[in-house]
Amino acid sequence: MFIQTEATPNPATLKFIPGRTVLDSGTMEFVNREAAARSPLAERLFGVPGVTGVFFGSDFVTVTKDDSDWQHLKPAILGAIMEHYVSGAPLLAEGSVTSDEAADEQDEFFNETDAETVATIKDLLETRVRPAVANDGGDITFRGYKDGVVYLNMKGSCSGCPSSTATLRHGIQNLLKHFVPDVIEVRPI
């Protein structure tokens, strides 16, 4: 098994591509060891000292570290991913939800009178933003819309990334303002 690695815009995060499907649909983020209990692979990765976050995309795993050195962490992470796939263990513990999308949608907030605007915002995020962000090992999901402000949740390599503010302000905000005149600002949650 050959696992490719790619740098991301976030120096604390690396993208690991195992050459097979990781998650059938959606994304999953694990921000601590307790959250990782729903995935044997995430648990293995949190077993590597220095790992502080794990994110699953369709065909990649993004790992975030503390101030440890990638030179020491990378071999252990590659080993954990390889062991997981060679063992044939499932990605998710039995009974676990298959992605974070249902929970994300449940926590959304917006006024029903803005439903059409929100639908346009979600469509733009889905078709224009999320594919580009996935290339960088992360995801951005819609959280809410109120008084012209769009609230987004940044996951994976996007979470805590030094360039994420620029991405939000100059990229996503400008895109949404162009297509949805009611949008005034974009903020992370």
Foldseek 3Di string as FASTA:
>chain_A
DDWDKDAFLFNQKIKIFPPAFLACDAKAKDQQCVSCLFFPLSNQLNVQPFWGIWMHDGGIIMTGGDPDDCVVSVVSNVVSVVVCVVVVDDGGDPPDDRYCVVVQVVQADDDPVCVVLVVVLQVCQVPPNQVVVVVRQWGKDWRYDDQQETEIEIGGSLVPRPCVVVCQFPPSQVVSCVVRVSHDGYYYD
